[in-house]
């Protein structure tokens, strides 16, 4: 835009547009005569030359932030829709998660009847997972309870009907015992049927396999 003078409304609008990565410039033009010749003095007033690179960087940052927010919203919508589908299918088979509501989080959680032990189902862009999480708020206690369950590993896996991943996670607070389906993506609806089938089956078998060991663990914790 070229003018002899810019109103405040114009410059404010240009600055606003620049925040959204729209390249806009304002040039102030002043005519003057020298002898019999006519000249124009052209001065760029927006963006100010010294701050042009900064303005571009800020515009790019704003654009990236908007994209990140849109991506996050889309991910939330995908997960919310997935859990609706999952709960509809799961509630026709058992009532493990009958009291749960759809969420935009990666997981659903069910108590195993003991403080700090839960049955979780998790979905990501890379895998679906059913696990028993041990987290009573104290790392040392979590590991002690995990080790108690690990002593019953063979019986638990026989009851479950398959091997499990016993992840003590020494670098973290929570210990996990899990069954994982890899190569699936919650953001790909073509994978939903396979994921839902796996999670219903794995969570039910895991709940039954750990029901009695958790009772023994509960008694052990009180002793």
Protein backbone atom coordinates (compact mmCIF):
# COMPACT_ATOMS: atom_id res chain seq x y z
CA UNK A 1 0.00 0.00 0.00
CA UNK A 2 1.26 3.44 -0.99
CA UNK A 3 -0.01 6.74 0.40
CA UNK A 4 1.09 10.17 1.48
CA UNK A 5 -0.30 9.47 4.95
CA UNK A 6 -1.79 6.39 6.64
CA UNK A 7 -4.60 6.51 9.14
CA UNK A 8 -4.17 4.60 12.40
CA UNK A 9 -6.94 2.18 11.39
CA UNK A 10 -4.93 1.16 8.31
CA UNK A 11 -1.63 0.61 10.12
CA UNK A 12 -3.37 -1.35 12.90
CA UNK A 13 -5.00 -3.61 10.31
CA UNK A 14 -1.69 -4.19 8.55
CA UNK A 15 -0.01 -5.16 11.83
CA UNK A 16 -2.86 -7.58 12.58
CA UNK A 17 -2.57 -9.19 9.13
CA UNK A 18 1.18 -9.60 9.57
CA UNK A 19 0.55 -11.69 12.70
CA UNK A 20 -1.17 -14.24 10.45
CA UNK A 21 1.71 -14.48 8.00
CA UNK A 22 0.08 -12.22 5.42
CA UNK A 23 2.78 -10.16 3.75
CA UNK A 24 1.64 -6.54 3.78
CA UNK A 25 3.73 -3.40 3.43
CA UNK A 26 3.04 0.31 3.75
CA UNK A 27 5.09 2.90 1.89
CA UNK A 28 4.80 6.62 2.61
CA UNK A 29 5.39 8.69 -0.53
CA UNK A 30 6.30 12.38 -0.44
CA UNK A 31 6.66 14.33 -3.73
CA UNK A 32 9.06 17.27 -4.02
CA UNK A 33 10.47 19.43 -6.80
CA UNK A 34 14.09 20.28 -7.48
CA UNK A 35 14.65 22.89 -10.16
CA UNK A 36 12.25 21.79 -12.86
CA UNK A 37 12.28 18.10 -11.93
CA UNK A 38 9.73 16.23 -9.80
CA UNK A 39 10.90 13.57 -7.36
CA UNK A 40 9.28 11.07 -5.00
CA UNK A 41 10.64 10.16 -1.57
CA UNK A 42 9.60 6.62 -0.71
CA UNK A 43 9.81 5.45 2.89
CA UNK A 44 8.77 2.00 4.09
CA UNK A 45 6.94 2.48 7.37
CA UNK A 46 5.53 -1.04 7.84
CA UNK A 47 7.08 -3.34 8.57
CA UNK A 48 9.89 -1.20 9.89
CA UNK A 49 13.07 -2.34 8.15
CA UNK A 50 14.90 -3.15 11.38
CA UNK A 51 12.04 -5.31 12.63
CA UNK A 52 10.92 -6.94 9.38
CA UNK A 53 12.71 -10.25 10.05
CA UNK A 54 11.33 -10.28 13.58
CA UNK A 55 7.80 -9.66 12.29
CA UNK A 56 8.12 -12.53 9.84
CA UNK A 57 9.37 -14.86 12.59
CA UNK A 58 6.49 -13.88 14.87
CA UNK A 59 4.01 -14.45 12.05
CA UNK A 60 5.45 -17.89 11.38
CA UNK A 61 5.29 -18.71 15.08
CA UNK A 62 1.64 -17.65 15.25
CA UNK A 63 0.87 -19.78 12.21
CA UNK A 64 2.58 -22.81 13.77
CA UNK A 65 0.69 -22.32 17.02
CA UNK A 66 -2.63 -22.21 15.17
CA UNK A 67 -1.71 -25.38 13.28
CA UNK A 68 -0.70 -27.10 16.52
CA UNK A 69 -4.01 -26.17 18.13
CA UNK A 70 -5.92 -27.45 15.09
CA UNK A 71 -3.95 -30.72 15.09
CA UNK A 72 -4.59 -31.20 18.80
CA UNK A 73 -8.30 -30.54 18.34
CA UNK A 74 -8.45 -33.09 15.52
CA UNK A 75 -6.63 -35.67 17.66
CA UNK A 76 -9.06 -35.06 20.51
CA UNK A 77 -12.02 -35.51 18.18
CA UNK A 78 -10.58 -38.77 16.80
CA UNK A 79 -10.03 -40.23 20.27
CA UNK A 80 -13.44 -39.12 21.51
CA UNK A 81 -15.11 -40.82 18.56
CA UNK A 82 -12.97 -43.95 19.01
CA UNK A 83 -13.90 -44.34 22.68
CA UNK A 84 -17.57 -43.94 21.82
CA UNK A 85 -17.25 -46.82 19.36
CA UNK A 86 -15.21 -48.86 21.84
CA UNK A 87 -17.68 -48.46 24.71
CA UNK A 88 -20.62 -49.33 22.48
CA UNK A 89 -18.90 -52.58 21.46
CA UNK A 90 -17.44 -53.34 24.90
CA UNK A 91 -20.70 -52.89 26.78
CA UNK A 92 -22.30 -55.55 24.60
CA UNK A 93 -19.68 -58.04 25.80
CA UNK A 94 -18.96 -57.16 29.45
CA UNK A 95 -19.32 -54.32 31.94
CA UNK A 96 -15.65 -53.73 32.65
CA UNK A 97 -15.89 -50.13 31.51
CA UNK A 98 -19.64 -49.78 31.89
CA UNK A 99 -19.27 -46.78 34.19
CA UNK A 100 -16.83 -45.00 31.88
CA UNK A 101 -17.64 -42.12 29.55
CA UNK A 102 -15.95 -41.33 26.23
CA UNK A 103 -12.94 -39.08 26.61
CA UNK A 104 -10.43 -37.31 24.37
CA UNK A 105 -7.55 -38.77 26.40
CA UNK A 106 -5.39 -41.69 25.29
CA UNK A 107 -6.71 -44.02 27.97
CA UNK A 108 -9.59 -45.42 29.98
CA UNK A 109 -8.97 -46.62 33.52
CA UNK A 110 -10.69 -49.13 35.81
CA UNK A 111 -9.80 -49.81 39.44
CA UNK A 112 -8.69 -53.32 40.34
CA UNK A 113 -10.25 -52.97 43.79
CA UNK A 114 -7.03 -51.89 45.46
CA UNK A 115 -5.56 -48.45 45.90
CA UNK A 116 -2.91 -47.75 43.29
CA UNK A 117 -3.71 -50.66 40.97
CA UNK A 118 -5.72 -50.11 37.82
CA UNK A 119 -6.60 -51.83 34.57
CA UNK A 120 -5.94 -49.44 31.71
CA UNK A 121 -6.55 -49.48 27.99
CA UNK A 122 -4.48 -47.10 25.90
CA UNK A 123 -4.54 -46.06 22.23
CA UNK A 124 -1.92 -44.09 20.29
CA UNK A 125 -0.83 -43.51 16.72
CA UNK A 126 1.43 -46.59 16.97
CA UNK A 127 -0.22 -49.19 19.21
CA UNK A 128 -3.13 -50.30 21.39
CA UNK A 129 -2.40 -51.53 24.90
CA UNK A 130 -4.08 -53.17 27.87
CA UNK A 131 -2.13 -53.04 31.11
CA UNK A 132 -2.10 -53.33 34.87
CA UNK A 133 -0.53 -50.19 36.31
CA UNK A 134 1.00 -50.16 39.78
CA UNK A 135 1.28 -46.64 41.17
CA UNK A 136 0.65 -45.98 44.84
CA UNK A 137 2.63 -42.74 44.76
CA UNK A 138 5.87 -44.22 46.07
CA UNK A 139 8.43 -45.71 43.69
CA UNK A 140 9.90 -48.15 46.20
CA UNK A 141 6.48 -49.43 47.21
CA UNK A 142 5.41 -49.75 43.58
CA UNK A 143 8.44 -51.90 42.80
CA UNK A 144 7.85 -54.07 45.87
CA UNK A 145 4.26 -54.73 44.80
CA UNK A 146 5.33 -55.34 41.21
CA UNK A 147 7.88 -57.90 42.42
CA UNK A 148 5.17 -59.60 44.50
CA UNK A 149 3.04 -60.04 41.37
CA UNK A 150 6.06 -61.11 39.32
CA UNK A 151 6.52 -64.12 41.60
CA UNK A 152 3.15 -65.34 40.25
CA UNK A 153 4.13 -64.61 36.64
CA UNK A 154 3.68 -68.18 35.34
CA UNK A 155 0.24 -68.62 36.90
CA UNK A 156 -0.89 -65.18 35.74
CA UNK A 157 0.25 -65.74 32.14
CA UNK A 158 -1.36 -69.20 32.10
CA UNK A 159 -4.65 -67.65 33.23
CA UNK A 160 -4.24 -64.83 30.69
CA UNK A 161 -3.48 -67.31 27.91
CA UNK A 162 -0.38 -65.60 26.57
CA UNK A 163 2.91 -63.99 27.58
CA UNK A 164 2.82 -60.49 29.05
CA UNK A 165 5.37 -57.67 29.07
CA UNK A 166 6.56 -57.17 32.65
CA UNK A 167 7.86 -53.61 32.65
CA UNK A 168 9.22 -52.57 36.05
CA UNK A 169 10.23 -49.21 34.55
CA UNK A 170 13.09 -48.60 36.96
CA UNK A 171 13.53 -45.08 35.54
CA UNK A 172 9.90 -44.16 36.26
CA UNK A 173 7.48 -44.26 39.18
CA UNK A 174 4.77 -46.46 37.64
CA UNK A 175 5.29 -50.17 36.99
CA UNK A 176 3.28 -51.81 34.20
CA UNK A 177 2.34 -55.31 33.11
CA UNK A 178 0.99 -55.12 29.60
CA UNK A 179 -0.27 -56.70 26.42
CA UNK A 180 0.37 -54.66 23.27
CA UNK A 181 -0.95 -54.66 19.71
CA UNK A 182 1.52 -52.82 17.47
CA UNK A 183 1.17 -51.53 13.92
CA UNK A 184 -2.18 -49.82 14.49
CA UNK A 185 -3.11 -46.14 14.55
CA UNK A 186 -6.05 -44.64 16.43
CA UNK A 187 -6.07 -41.80 13.89
CA UNK A 188 -6.75 -44.29 11.08
CA UNK A 189 -10.37 -45.43 11.24
CA UNK A 190 -9.52 -48.52 9.18
CA UNK A 191 -7.65 -49.81 12.27
CA UNK A 192 -10.47 -49.22 14.73
CA UNK A 193 -12.17 -52.59 14.36
CA UNK A 194 -8.92 -54.49 15.01
CA UNK A 195 -8.05 -52.26 17.97
CA UNK A 196 -11.48 -52.53 19.57
CA UNK A 197 -11.49 -56.32 19.24
CA UNK A 198 -8.02 -56.57 20.77
CA UNK A 199 -8.78 -54.23 23.69
CA UNK A 200 -12.04 -55.94 24.62
CA UNK A 201 -10.40 -59.36 24.59
CA UNK A 202 -7.11 -58.40 26.28
CA UNK A 203 -8.69 -56.30 29.04
CA UNK A 204 -11.22 -58.98 29.95
CA UNK A 205 -8.57 -61.74 30.09
CA UNK A 206 -6.21 -59.46 32.01
CA UNK A 207 -8.87 -58.58 34.59
CA UNK A 208 -9.66 -62.25 35.21
CA UNK A 209 -5.98 -63.25 35.33
CA UNK A 210 -5.09 -60.59 37.91
CA UNK A 211 -8.23 -60.70 40.05
CA UNK A 212 -6.96 -63.28 42.57
CA UNK A 213 -3.29 -62.17 42.55
CA UNK A 214 -4.42 -58.63 43.39
CA UNK A 215 -6.48 -59.96 46.30
CA UNK A 216 -3.34 -61.69 47.62
CA UNK A 217 -1.36 -58.52 47.08
CA UNK A 218 -3.97 -56.53 49.01
CA UNK A 219 -3.70 -58.94 51.94
CA UNK A 220 0.10 -58.74 51.73
CA UNK A 221 0.00 -54.92 51.81
CA UNK A 222 -2.01 -54.96 55.05
CA UNK A 223 0.32 -57.44 56.71
